Amino acid sequence: MQRVGFLLKVKDDPETISRYKEHHRRVSPDMLDALRRHGWNNYSLFMRPDGLMFGYVEVSDSFQASLDGMSHEDANSRWQAMMEPFFESPDGGRPDENMVQLEEVFHLD
């Protein structure tokens, strides 16, 4: 199991942030199923008022393996296409391709 922290940035606009949060209250069952099948466990997203997000997930194998598995899922392709307009992504691309993985520097069990 690997613990992963990452950053993403939703556009700093109250309407955009509100709509983004609403989508996450209604994640489709097929997307949730795909995440579980590809080892996404204990997955949480946290957001500041300006749209900066911190994500935390525990993955079964490796973060890259979990991302790679999701890249072949139709549910994920639909989700990423729907989410793309919400994000600041200087280099373009899907939100799941712009996660900035953070180095774990401390952990207390």
PDB file of N, CA and C in Angstrom:
ATOM      1  N   MET A   1       0.839  -1.177   0.000  1.00  0.00           N
ATOM      2  CA  MET A   1       0.000   0.000   0.000  1.00  0.00           C
ATOM      3  C   MET A   1       0.887   1.244   0.000  1.00  0.00           C
ATOM      4  N   GLN A   2       0.517   2.217  -0.817  1.00  0.00           N
ATOM      5  CA  GLN A   2       1.238   3.479  -0.897  1.00  0.00           C
ATOM      6  C   GLN A   2       0.282   4.611  -0.537  1.00  0.00           C
ATOM      7  N   ARG A   3       0.712   5.494   0.365  1.00  0.00           N
ATOM      8  CA  ARG A   3      -0.054   6.705   0.701  1.00  0.00           C
ATOM      9  C   ARG A   3       0.389   7.808  -0.248  1.00  0.00           C
ATOM     10  N   VAL A   4      -0.586   8.524  -0.814  1.00  0.00           N
ATOM     11  CA  VAL A   4      -0.272   9.548  -1.803  1.00  0.00           C
ATOM     12  C   VAL A   4      -1.018  10.830  -1.470  1.00  0.00           C
ATOM     13  N   GLY A   5      -0.294  11.944  -1.485  1.00  0.00           N
ATOM     14  CA  GLY A   5      -0.893  13.266  -1.407  1.00  0.00           C
ATOM     15  C   GLY A   5      -0.625  13.973  -2.723  1.00  0.00           C
ATOM     16  N   PHE A   6      -1.610  14.738  -3.188  1.00  0.00           N
ATOM     17  CA  PHE A   6      -1.428  15.452  -4.445  1.00  0.00           C
ATOM     18  C   PHE A   6      -2.195  16.771  -4.421  1.00  0.00           C
ATOM     19  N   LEU A   7      -1.803  17.676  -5.305  1.00  0.00           N
ATOM     20  CA  LEU A   7      -2.447  18.983  -5.446  1.00  0.00           C
ATOM     21  C   LEU A   7      -3.099  19.107  -6.815  1.00  0.00           C
ATOM     22  N   LEU A   8      -4.217  19.814  -6.844  1.00  0.00           N
ATOM     23  CA  LEU A   8      -4.904  20.218  -8.072  1.00  0.00           C
ATOM     24  C   LEU A   8      -5.476  21.602  -7.826  1.00  0.00           C
ATOM     25  N   LYS A   9      -5.822  22.320  -8.874  1.00  0.00           N
ATOM     26  CA  LYS A   9      -6.359  23.668  -8.704  1.00  0.00           C
ATOM     27  C   LYS A   9      -7.616  23.851  -9.538  1.00  0.00           C
ATOM     28  N   VAL A  10      -8.733  24.029  -8.837  1.00  0.00           N
ATOM     29  CA  VAL A  10      -9.997  24.388  -9.487  1.00  0.00           C
ATOM     30  C   VAL A  10      -9.974  25.895  -9.687  1.00  0.00           C
ATOM     31  N   LYS A  11     -10.581  26.356 -10.766  1.00  0.00           N
ATOM     32  CA  LYS A  11     -10.615  27.791 -11.055  1.00  0.00           C
ATOM     33  C   LYS A  11     -11.220  28.565  -9.877  1.00  0.00           C
ATOM     34  N   ASP A  12     -10.611  29.680  -9.551  1.00  0.00           N
ATOM     35  CA  ASP A  12     -11.016  30.505  -8.407  1.00  0.00           C
ATOM     36  C   ASP A  12     -12.227  31.358  -8.783  1.00  0.00           C
ATOM     37  N   ASP A  13     -13.376  30.699  -8.807  1.00  0.00           N
ATOM     38  CA  ASP A  13     -14.635  31.351  -9.139  1.00  0.00           C
ATOM     39  C   ASP A  13     -15.717  30.672  -8.296  1.00  0.00           C
ATOM     40  N   PRO A  14     -16.457  31.411  -7.482  1.00  0.00           N
ATOM     41  CA  PRO A  14     -17.437  30.796  -6.583  1.00  0.00           C
ATOM     42  C   PRO A  14     -18.438  29.879  -7.291  1.00  0.00           C
ATOM     43  N   GLU A  15     -18.913  30.273  -8.457  1.00  0.00           N
ATOM     44  CA  GLU A  15     -19.872  29.439  -9.207  1.00  0.00           C
ATOM     45  C   GLU A  15     -19.224  28.130  -9.646  1.00  0.00           C
ATOM     46  N   THR A  16     -17.997  28.213 -10.171  1.00  0.00           N
ATOM     47  CA  THR A  16     -17.267  27.025 -10.622  1.00  0.00           C
ATOM     48  C   THR A  16     -17.004  26.090  -9.450  1.00  0.00           C
ATOM     49  N   ILE A  17     -16.562  26.633  -8.350  1.00  0.00           N
ATOM     50  CA  ILE A  17     -16.270  25.816  -7.168  1.00  0.00           C
ATOM     51  C   ILE A  17     -17.553  25.152  -6.655  1.00  0.00           C
ATOM     52  N   SER A  18     -18.639  25.886  -6.629  1.00  0.00           N
ATOM     53  CA  SER A  18     -19.918  25.332  -6.179  1.00  0.00           C
ATOM     54  C   SER A  18     -20.370  24.176  -7.082  1.00  0.00           C
ATOM     55  N   ARG A  19     -20.262  24.361  -8.389  1.00  0.00           N
ATOM     56  CA  ARG A  19     -20.658  23.300  -9.324  1.00  0.00           C
ATOM     57  C   ARG A  19     -19.736  22.084  -9.197  1.00  0.00           C
ATOM     58  N   TYR A  20     -18.445  22.340  -8.996  1.00  0.00           N
ATOM     59  CA  TYR A  20     -17.489  21.243  -8.818  1.00  0.00           C
ATOM     60  C   TYR A  20     -17.867  20.403  -7.593  1.00  0.00           C
ATOM     61  N   LYS A  21     -18.167  21.073  -6.496  1.00  0.00           N
ATOM     62  CA  LYS A  21     -18.549  20.362  -5.267  1.00  0.00           C
ATOM     63  C   LYS A  21     -19.845  19.583  -5.467  1.00  0.00           C
ATOM     64  N   GLU A  22     -20.785  20.162  -6.192  1.00  0.00           N
ATOM     65  CA  GLU A  22     -22.060  19.477  -6.453  1.00  0.00           C
ATOM     66  C   GLU A  22     -21.832  18.177  -7.224  1.00  0.00           C
ATOM     67  N   HIS A  23     -20.959  18.196  -8.217  1.00  0.00           N
ATOM     68  CA  HIS A  23     -20.656  16.964  -8.961  1.00  0.00           C
ATOM     69  C   HIS A  23     -20.109  15.885  -8.030  1.00  0.00           C
ATOM     70  N   HIS A  24     -19.341  16.278  -7.042  1.00  0.00           N
ATOM     71  CA  HIS A  24     -18.752  15.298  -6.131  1.00  0.00           C
ATOM     72  C   HIS A  24     -19.747  14.770  -5.096  1.00  0.00           C
ATOM     73  N   ARG A  25     -20.881  15.400  -4.978  1.00  0.00           N
ATOM     74  CA  ARG A  25     -21.950  14.847  -4.129  1.00  0.00           C
ATOM     75  C   ARG A  25     -22.741  13.779  -4.892  1.00  0.00           C
ATOM     76  N   ARG A  26     -22.506  13.698  -6.221  1.00  0.00           N
ATOM     77  CA  ARG A  26     -23.269  12.779  -7.059  1.00  0.00           C
ATOM     78  C   ARG A  26     -22.360  11.963  -7.985  1.00  0.00           C
ATOM     79  N   VAL A  27     -21.259  11.451  -7.493  1.00  0.00           N
ATOM     80  CA  VAL A  27     -20.357  10.649  -8.327  1.00  0.00           C
ATOM     81  C   VAL A  27     -21.092   9.370  -8.728  1.00  0.00           C
ATOM     82  N   SER A  28     -21.010   9.039 -10.002  1.00  0.00           N
ATOM     83  CA  SER A  28     -21.748   7.878 -10.514  1.00  0.00           C
ATOM     84  C   SER A  28     -21.216   6.574  -9.919  1.00  0.00           C
ATOM     85  N   PRO A  29     -22.115   5.616  -9.727  1.00  0.00           N
ATOM     86  CA  PRO A  29     -21.692   4.312  -9.180  1.00  0.00           C
ATOM     87  C   PRO A  29     -20.627   3.631 -10.033  1.00  0.00           C
ATOM     88  N   ASP A  30     -20.681   3.783 -11.367  1.00  0.00           N
ATOM     89  CA  ASP A  30     -19.662   3.127 -12.190  1.00  0.00           C
ATOM     90  C   ASP A  30     -18.282   3.752 -12.007  1.00  0.00           C
ATOM     91  N   MET A  31     -18.238   5.051 -11.722  1.00  0.00           N
ATOM     92  CA  MET A  31     -16.957   5.707 -11.434  1.00  0.00           C
ATOM     93  C   MET A  31     -16.424   5.234 -10.080  1.00  0.00           C
ATOM     94  N   LEU A  32     -17.289   5.179  -9.084  1.00  0.00           N
ATOM     95  CA  LEU A  32     -16.867   4.700  -7.760  1.00  0.00           C
ATOM     96  C   LEU A  32     -16.372   3.265  -7.849  1.00  0.00           C
ATOM     97  N   ASP A  33     -17.061   2.445  -8.624  1.00  0.00           N
ATOM     98  CA  ASP A  33     -16.665   1.052  -8.835  1.00  0.00           C
ATOM     99  C   ASP A  33     -15.281   0.964  -9.478  1.00  0.00           C
ATOM    100  N   ALA A  34     -15.050   1.784 -10.505  1.00  0.00           N
ATOM    101  CA  ALA A  34     -13.761   1.777 -11.204  1.00  0.00           C
ATOM    102  C   ALA A  34     -12.636   2.165 -10.254  1.00  0.00           C
ATOM    103  N   LEU A  35     -12.866   3.210  -9.444  1.00  0.00           N
ATOM    104  CA  LEU A  35     -11.839   3.615  -8.481  1.00  0.00           C
ATOM    105  C   LEU A  35     -11.489   2.463  -7.550  1.00  0.00           C
ATOM    106  N   ARG A  36     -12.490   1.803  -7.044  1.00  0.00           N
ATOM    107  CA  ARG A  36     -12.235   0.673  -6.120  1.00  0.00           C
ATOM    108  C   ARG A  36     -11.487  -0.462  -6.820  1.00  0.00           C
ATOM    109  N   ARG A  37     -11.892  -0.779  -8.042  1.00  0.00           N
ATOM    110  CA  ARG A  37     -11.238  -1.878  -8.785  1.00  0.00           C
ATOM    111  C   ARG A  37      -9.760  -1.600  -9.032  1.00  0.00           C
ATOM    112  N   HIS A  38      -9.407  -0.325  -9.135  1.00  0.00           N
ATOM    113  CA  HIS A  38      -8.012   0.020  -9.443  1.00  0.00           C
ATOM    114  C   HIS A  38      -7.238   0.469  -8.214  1.00  0.00           C
ATOM    115  N   GLY A  39      -7.743   0.080  -7.043  1.00  0.00           N
ATOM    116  CA  GLY A  39      -6.959   0.217  -5.822  1.00  0.00           C
ATOM    117  C   GLY A  39      -7.001   1.562  -5.138  1.00  0.00           C
ATOM    118  N   TRP A  40      -7.990   2.417  -5.460  1.00  0.00           N
ATOM    119  CA  TRP A  40      -8.119   3.714  -4.793  1.00  0.00           C
ATOM    120  C   TRP A  40      -8.878   3.483  -3.487  1.00  0.00           C
ATOM    121  N   ASN A  41      -8.173   3.596  -2.379  1.00  0.00           N
ATOM    122  CA  ASN A  41      -8.772   3.367  -1.059  1.00  0.00           C
ATOM    123  C   ASN A  41      -8.580   4.605  -0.190  1.00  0.00           C
ATOM    124  N   ASN A  42      -9.504   4.797   0.736  1.00  0.00           N
ATOM    125  CA  ASN A  42      -9.401   5.899   1.687  1.00  0.00           C
ATOM    126  C   ASN A  42      -9.100   7.219   0.957  1.00  0.00           C
ATOM    127  N   TYR A  43      -9.858   7.473  -0.091  1.00  0.00           N
ATOM    128  CA  TYR A  43      -9.639   8.607  -0.992  1.00  0.00           C
ATOM    129  C   TYR A  43     -10.426   9.821  -0.505  1.00  0.00           C
ATOM    130  N   SER A  44      -9.740  10.945  -0.328  1.00  0.00           N
ATOM    131  CA  SER A  44     -10.378  12.186   0.118  1.00  0.00           C
ATOM    132  C   SER A  44      -9.835  13.369  -0.669  1.00  0.00           C
ATOM    133  N   LEU A  45     -10.697  14.366  -0.856  1.00  0.00           N
ATOM    134  CA  LEU A  45     -10.298  15.637  -1.458  1.00  0.00           C
ATOM    135  C   LEU A  45     -10.636  16.747  -0.471  1.00  0.00           C
ATOM    136  N   PHE A  46      -9.722  17.707  -0.339  1.00  0.00           N
ATOM    137  CA  PHE A  46      -9.910  18.859   0.544  1.00  0.00           C
ATOM    138  C   PHE A  46      -9.675  20.110  -0.296  1.00  0.00           C
ATOM    139  N   MET A  47     -10.473  21.156  -0.074  1.00  0.00           N
ATOM    140  CA  MET A  47     -10.354  22.345  -0.904  1.00  0.00           C
ATOM    141  C   MET A  47     -10.326  23.617  -0.073  1.00  0.00           C
ATOM    142  N   ARG A  48      -9.417  24.529  -0.432  1.00  0.00           N
ATOM    143  CA  ARG A  48      -9.424  25.879   0.137  1.00  0.00           C
ATOM    144  C   ARG A  48     -10.488  26.702  -0.587  1.00  0.00           C
ATOM    145  N   PRO A  49     -10.891  27.828  -0.007  1.00  0.00           N
ATOM    146  CA  PRO A  49     -11.886  28.682  -0.668  1.00  0.00           C
ATOM    147  C   PRO A  49     -11.460  29.179  -2.055  1.00  0.00           C
ATOM    148  N   ASP A  50     -10.147  29.245  -2.328  1.00  0.00           N
ATOM    149  CA  ASP A  50      -9.675  29.718  -3.641  1.00  0.00           C
ATOM    150  C   ASP A  50      -9.554  28.602  -4.678  1.00  0.00           C
ATOM    151  N   GLY A  51      -9.984  27.390  -4.330  1.00  0.00           N
ATOM    152  CA  GLY A  51      -9.982  26.286  -5.280  1.00  0.00           C
ATOM    153  C   GLY A  51      -8.764  25.385  -5.235  1.00  0.00           C
ATOM    154  N   LEU A  52      -7.733  25.729  -4.417  1.00  0.00           N
ATOM    155  CA  LEU A  52      -6.588  24.837  -4.310  1.00  0.00           C
ATOM    156  C   LEU A  52      -7.034  23.579  -3.572  1.00  0.00           C
ATOM    157  N   MET A  53      -6.751  22.431  -4.172  1.00  0.00           N
ATOM    158  CA  MET A  53      -7.179  21.167  -3.571  1.00  0.00           C
ATOM    159  C   MET A  53      -5.993  20.297  -3.199  1.00  0.00           C
ATOM    160  N   PHE A  54      -6.170  19.619  -2.087  1.00  0.00           N
ATOM    161  CA  PHE A  54      -5.245  18.587  -1.642  1.00  0.00           C
ATOM    162  C   PHE A  54      -6.016  17.277  -1.681  1.00  0.00           C
ATOM    163  N   GLY A  55      -5.441  16.283  -2.338  1.00  0.00           N
ATOM    164  CA  GLY A  55      -6.045  14.958  -2.373  1.00  0.00           C
ATOM    165  C   GLY A  55      -5.181  13.974  -1.610  1.00  0.00           C
ATOM    166  N   TYR A  56      -5.844  13.010  -0.994  1.00  0.00           N
ATOM    167  CA  TYR A  56      -5.145  11.941  -0.293  1.00  0.00           C
ATOM    168  C   TYR A  56      -5.777  10.627  -0.713  1.00  0.00           C
ATOM    169  N   VAL A  57      -4.953   9.655  -1.029  1.00  0.00           N
ATOM    170  CA  VAL A  57      -5.444   8.323  -1.379  1.00  0.00           C
ATOM    171  C   VAL A  57      -4.410   7.289  -0.950  1.00  0.00           C
ATOM    172  N   GLU A  58      -4.906   6.137  -0.588  1.00  0.00           N
ATOM    173  CA  GLU A  58      -4.052   4.984  -0.329  1.00  0.00           C
ATOM    174  C   GLU A  58      -4.300   4.015  -1.474  1.00  0.00           C
ATOM    175  N   VAL A  59      -3.238   3.664  -2.199  1.00  0.00           N
ATOM    176  CA  VAL A  59      -3.379   2.797  -3.361  1.00  0.00           C
ATOM    177  C   VAL A  59      -2.793   1.419  -3.082  1.00  0.00           C
ATOM    178  N   SER A  60      -3.392   0.407  -3.689  1.00  0.00           N
ATOM    179  CA  SER A  60      -2.985  -0.982  -3.453  1.00  0.00           C
ATOM    180  C   SER A  60      -1.568  -1.259  -3.915  1.00  0.00           C
ATOM    181  N   ASP A  61      -1.225  -0.796  -5.097  1.00  0.00           N
ATOM    182  CA  ASP A  61       0.073  -1.092  -5.699  1.00  0.00           C
ATOM    183  C   ASP A  61       0.930   0.172  -5.704  1.00  0.00           C
ATOM    184  N   SER A  62       0.753   0.989  -6.720  1.00  0.00           N
ATOM    185  CA  SER A  62       1.446   2.272  -6.815  1.00  0.00           C
ATOM    186  C   SER A  62       0.459   3.282  -7.377  1.00  0.00           C
ATOM    187  N   PHE A  63       0.724   4.552  -7.133  1.00  0.00           N
ATOM    188  CA  PHE A  63      -0.142   5.607  -7.642  1.00  0.00           C
ATOM    189  C   PHE A  63      -0.201   5.537  -9.162  1.00  0.00           C
ATOM    190  N   GLN A  64       0.951   5.359  -9.801  1.00  0.00           N
ATOM    191  CA  GLN A  64       0.975   5.300 -11.265  1.00  0.00           C
ATOM    192  C   GLN A  64       0.162   4.122 -11.781  1.00  0.00           C
ATOM    193  N   ALA A  65       0.247   2.965 -11.118  1.00  0.00           N
ATOM    194  CA  ALA A  65      -0.541   1.803 -11.542  1.00  0.00           C
ATOM    195  C   ALA A  65      -2.035   2.085 -11.407  1.00  0.00           C
ATOM    196  N   SER A  66      -2.426   2.773 -10.347  1.00  0.00           N
ATOM    197  CA  SER A  66      -3.841   3.117 -10.148  1.00  0.00           C
ATOM    198  C   SER A  66      -4.310   4.123 -11.197  1.00  0.00           C
ATOM    199  N   LEU A  67      -3.468   5.116 -11.523  1.00  0.00           N
ATOM    200  CA  LEU A  67      -3.800   6.068 -12.589  1.00  0.00           C
ATOM    201  C   LEU A  67      -3.890   5.358 -13.941  1.00  0.00           C
ATOM    202  N   ASP A  68      -2.934   4.474 -14.212  1.00  0.00           N
ATOM    203  CA  ASP A  68      -2.932   3.747 -15.478  1.00  0.00           C
ATOM    204  C   ASP A  68      -4.189   2.893 -15.622  1.00  0.00           C
ATOM    205  N   GLY A  69      -4.585   2.225 -14.554  1.00  0.00           N
ATOM    206  CA  GLY A  69      -5.801   1.406 -14.592  1.00  0.00           C
ATOM    207  C   GLY A  69      -7.023   2.241 -14.901  1.00  0.00           C
ATOM    208  N   MET A  70      -7.118   3.395 -14.259  1.00  0.00           N
ATOM    209  CA  MET A  70      -8.265   4.268 -14.489  1.00  0.00           C
ATOM    210  C   MET A  70      -8.284   4.829 -15.905  1.00  0.00           C
ATOM    211  N   SER A  71      -7.122   4.981 -16.526  1.00  0.00           N
ATOM    212  CA  SER A  71      -7.063   5.577 -17.866  1.00  0.00           C
ATOM    213  C   SER A  71      -7.774   4.720 -18.911  1.00  0.00           C
ATOM    214  N   HIS A  72      -8.047   3.455 -18.598  1.00  0.00           N
ATOM    215  CA  HIS A  72      -8.729   2.550 -19.534  1.00  0.00           C
ATOM    216  C   HIS A  72     -10.218   2.402 -19.237  1.00  0.00           C
ATOM    217  N   GLU A  73     -10.712   3.129 -18.269  1.00  0.00           N
ATOM    218  CA  GLU A  73     -12.116   3.014 -17.854  1.00  0.00           C
ATOM    219  C   GLU A  73     -12.981   4.061 -18.560  1.00  0.00           C
ATOM    220  N   ASP A  74     -14.067   3.620 -19.181  1.00  0.00           N
ATOM    221  CA  ASP A  74     -15.010   4.549 -19.820  1.00  0.00           C
ATOM    222  C   ASP A  74     -15.578   5.537 -18.813  1.00  0.00           C
ATOM    223  N   ALA A  75     -15.898   5.065 -17.621  1.00  0.00           N
ATOM    224  CA  ALA A  75     -16.452   5.954 -16.585  1.00  0.00           C
ATOM    225  C   ALA A  75     -15.475   7.079 -16.277  1.00  0.00           C
ATOM    226  N   ASN A  76     -14.199   6.776 -16.229  1.00  0.00           N
ATOM    227  CA  ASN A  76     -13.191   7.793 -15.944  1.00  0.00           C
ATOM    228  C   ASN A  76     -13.039   8.763 -17.114  1.00  0.00           C
ATOM    229  N   SER A  77     -13.079   8.265 -18.325  1.00  0.00           N
ATOM    230  CA  SER A  77     -12.983   9.148 -19.494  1.00  0.00           C
ATOM    231  C   SER A  77     -14.125  10.159 -19.489  1.00  0.00           C
ATOM    232  N   ARG A  78     -15.336   9.685 -19.202  1.00  0.00           N
ATOM    233  CA  ARG A  78     -16.490  10.589 -19.132  1.00  0.00           C
ATOM    234  C   ARG A  78     -16.312  11.596 -18.003  1.00  0.00           C
ATOM    235  N   TRP A  79     -15.851  11.121 -16.835  1.00  0.00           N
ATOM    236  CA  TRP A  79     -15.670  11.987 -15.664  1.00  0.00           C
ATOM    237  C   TRP A  79     -14.616  13.057 -15.943  1.00  0.00           C
ATOM    238  N   GLN A  80     -13.482  12.664 -16.500  1.00  0.00           N
ATOM    239  CA  GLN A  80     -12.404  13.609 -16.772  1.00  0.00           C
ATOM    240  C   GLN A  80     -12.846  14.669 -17.790  1.00  0.00           C
ATOM    241  N   ALA A  81     -13.598  14.263 -18.806  1.00  0.00           N
ATOM    242  CA  ALA A  81     -14.109  15.222 -19.792  1.00  0.00           C
ATOM    243  C   ALA A  81     -15.056  16.223 -19.132  1.00  0.00           C
ATOM    244  N   MET A  82     -15.890  15.739 -18.204  1.00  0.00           N
ATOM    245  CA  MET A  82     -16.817  16.621 -17.508  1.00  0.00           C
ATOM    246  C   MET A  82     -16.075  17.559 -16.553  1.00  0.00           C
ATOM    247  N   MET A  83     -15.006  17.086 -15.917  1.00  0.00           N
ATOM    248  CA  MET A  83     -14.273  17.863 -14.921  1.00  0.00           C
ATOM    249  C   MET A  83     -13.260  18.835 -15.526  1.00  0.00           C
ATOM    250  N   GLU A  84     -12.787  18.567 -16.722  1.00  0.00           N
ATOM    251  CA  GLU A  84     -11.712  19.377 -17.315  1.00  0.00           C
ATOM    252  C   GLU A  84     -11.983  20.887 -17.299  1.00  0.00           C
ATOM    253  N   PRO A  85     -13.189  21.362 -17.622  1.00  0.00           N
ATOM    254  CA  PRO A  85     -13.425  22.814 -17.623  1.00  0.00           C
ATOM    255  C   PRO A  85     -13.326  23.478 -16.242  1.00  0.00           C
ATOM    256  N   PHE A  86     -13.368  22.699 -15.179  1.00  0.00           N
ATOM    257  CA  PHE A  86     -13.319  23.257 -13.828  1.00  0.00           C
ATOM    258  C   PHE A  86     -11.891  23.610 -13.383  1.00  0.00           C
ATOM    259  N   PHE A  87     -10.900  23.043 -14.034  1.00  0.00           N
ATOM    260  CA  PHE A  87      -9.528  23.122 -13.535  1.00  0.00           C
ATOM    261  C   PHE A  87      -8.660  24.135 -14.247  1.00  0.00           C
ATOM    262  N   GLU A  88      -7.751  24.718 -13.472  1.00  0.00           N
ATOM    263  CA  GLU A  88      -6.641  25.472 -14.037  1.00  0.00           C
ATOM    264  C   GLU A  88      -5.594  24.432 -14.420  1.00  0.00           C
ATOM    265  N   SER A  89      -5.247  24.384 -15.682  1.00  0.00           N
ATOM    266  CA  SER A  89      -4.213  23.444 -16.115  1.00  0.00           C
ATOM    267  C   SER A  89      -3.339  24.135 -17.151  1.00  0.00           C
ATOM    268  N   PRO A  90      -2.252  24.734 -16.678  1.00  0.00           N
ATOM    269  CA  PRO A  90      -1.379  25.527 -17.546  1.00  0.00           C
ATOM    270  C   PRO A  90      -0.868  24.754 -18.765  1.00  0.00           C
ATOM    271  N   ASP A  91      -0.666  23.464 -18.607  1.00  0.00           N
ATOM    272  CA  ASP A  91      -0.146  22.661 -19.707  1.00  0.00           C
ATOM    273  C   ASP A  91      -1.254  21.940 -20.465  1.00  0.00           C
ATOM    274  N   GLY A  92      -2.527  22.221 -20.132  1.00  0.00           N
ATOM    275  CA  GLY A  92      -3.640  21.526 -20.756  1.00  0.00           C
ATOM    276  C   GLY A  92      -3.761  20.107 -20.223  1.00  0.00           C
ATOM    277  N   GLY A  93      -4.621  19.331 -20.804  1.00  0.00           N
ATOM    278  CA  GLY A  93      -4.773  17.933 -20.413  1.00  0.00           C
ATOM    279  C   GLY A  93      -5.846  17.729 -19.368  1.00  0.00           C
ATOM    280  N   ARG A  94      -6.118  16.475 -19.144  1.00  0.00           N
ATOM    281  CA  ARG A  94      -7.159  16.065 -18.202  1.00  0.00           C
ATOM    282  C   ARG A  94      -6.704  16.320 -16.768  1.00  0.00           C
ATOM    283  N   PRO A  95      -7.668  16.523 -15.862  1.00  0.00           N
ATOM    284  CA  PRO A  95      -7.295  16.748 -14.458  1.00  0.00           C
ATOM    285  C   PRO A  95      -6.436  15.618 -13.881  1.00  0.00           C
ATOM    286  N   ASP A  96      -6.753  14.363 -14.217  1.00  0.00           N
ATOM    287  CA  ASP A  96      -5.978  13.257 -13.642  1.00  0.00           C
ATOM    288  C   ASP A  96      -4.563  13.182 -14.208  1.00  0.00           C
ATOM    289  N   GLU A  97      -4.277  13.958 -15.229  1.00  0.00           N
ATOM    290  CA  GLU A  97      -2.917  14.024 -15.765  1.00  0.00           C
ATOM    291  C   GLU A  97      -2.140  15.202 -15.177  1.00  0.00           C
ATOM    292  N   ASN A  98      -2.811  16.010 -14.383  1.00  0.00           N
ATOM    293  CA  ASN A  98      -2.188  17.211 -13.818  1.00  0.00           C
ATOM    294  C   ASN A  98      -2.057  17.166 -12.298  1.00  0.00           C
ATOM    295  N   MET A  99      -2.240  15.999 -11.722  1.00  0.00           N
ATOM    296  CA  MET A  99      -2.074  15.872 -10.273  1.00  0.00           C
ATOM    297  C   MET A  99      -0.603  16.060  -9.931  1.00  0.00           C
ATOM    298  N   VAL A 100      -0.308  16.964  -9.041  1.00  0.00           N
ATOM    299  CA  VAL A 100       1.065  17.188  -8.609  1.00  0.00           C
ATOM    300  C   VAL A 100       1.279  16.357  -7.345  1.00  0.00           C
ATOM    301  N   GLN A 101       1.972  15.229  -7.504  1.00  0.00           N
ATOM    302  CA  GLN A 101       2.194  14.331  -6.372  1.00  0.00           C
ATOM    303  C   GLN A 101       3.193  14.956  -5.416  1.00  0.00           C
ATOM    304  N   LEU A 102       2.885  14.844  -4.127  1.00  0.00           N
ATOM    305  CA  LEU A 102       3.726  15.401  -3.074  1.00  0.00           C
ATOM    306  C   LEU A 102       4.564  14.308  -2.423  1.00  0.00           C
ATOM    307  N   GLU A 103       5.709  14.674  -1.958  1.00  0.00           N
ATOM    308  CA  GLU A 103       6.581  13.751  -1.235  1.00  0.00           C
ATOM    309  C   GLU A 103       6.092  13.622   0.203  1.00  0.00           C
ATOM    310  N   GLU A 104       5.940  12.407   0.665  1.00  0.00           N
ATOM    311  CA  GLU A 104       5.587  12.185   2.066  1.00  0.00           C
ATOM    312  C   GLU A 104       6.852  12.375   2.910  1.00  0.00           C
ATOM    313  N   VAL A 105       6.786  13.295   3.861  1.00  0.00           N
ATOM    314  CA  VAL A 105       7.963  13.561   4.693  1.00  0.00           C
ATOM    315  C   VAL A 105       7.779  13.119   6.143  1.00  0.00           C
ATOM    316  N   PHE A 106       6.560  12.771   6.524  1.00  0.00           N
ATOM    317  CA  PHE A 106       6.322  12.297   7.887  1.00  0.00           C
ATOM    318  C   PHE A 106       5.019  11.522   7.916  1.00  0.00           C
ATOM    319  N   HIS A 107       5.000  10.478   8.722  1.00  0.00           N
ATOM    320  CA  HIS A 107       3.785   9.686   8.940  1.00  0.00           C
ATOM    321  C   HIS A 107       3.816   9.146  10.360  1.00  0.00           C
ATOM    322  N   LEU A 108       2.718   9.285  11.059  1.00  0.00           N
ATOM    323  CA  LEU A 108       2.560   8.726  12.403  1.00  0.00           C
ATOM    324  C   LEU A 108       1.434   7.713  12.371  1.00  0.00           C
ATOM    325  N   ASP A 109       1.729   6.460  12.705  1.00  0.00           N
ATOM    326  CA  ASP A 109       0.682   5.427  12.796  1.00  0.00           C
ATOM    327  C   ASP A 109      -0.058   5.558  14.087  1.00  0.00           C
TER     328      ASP A 109
END
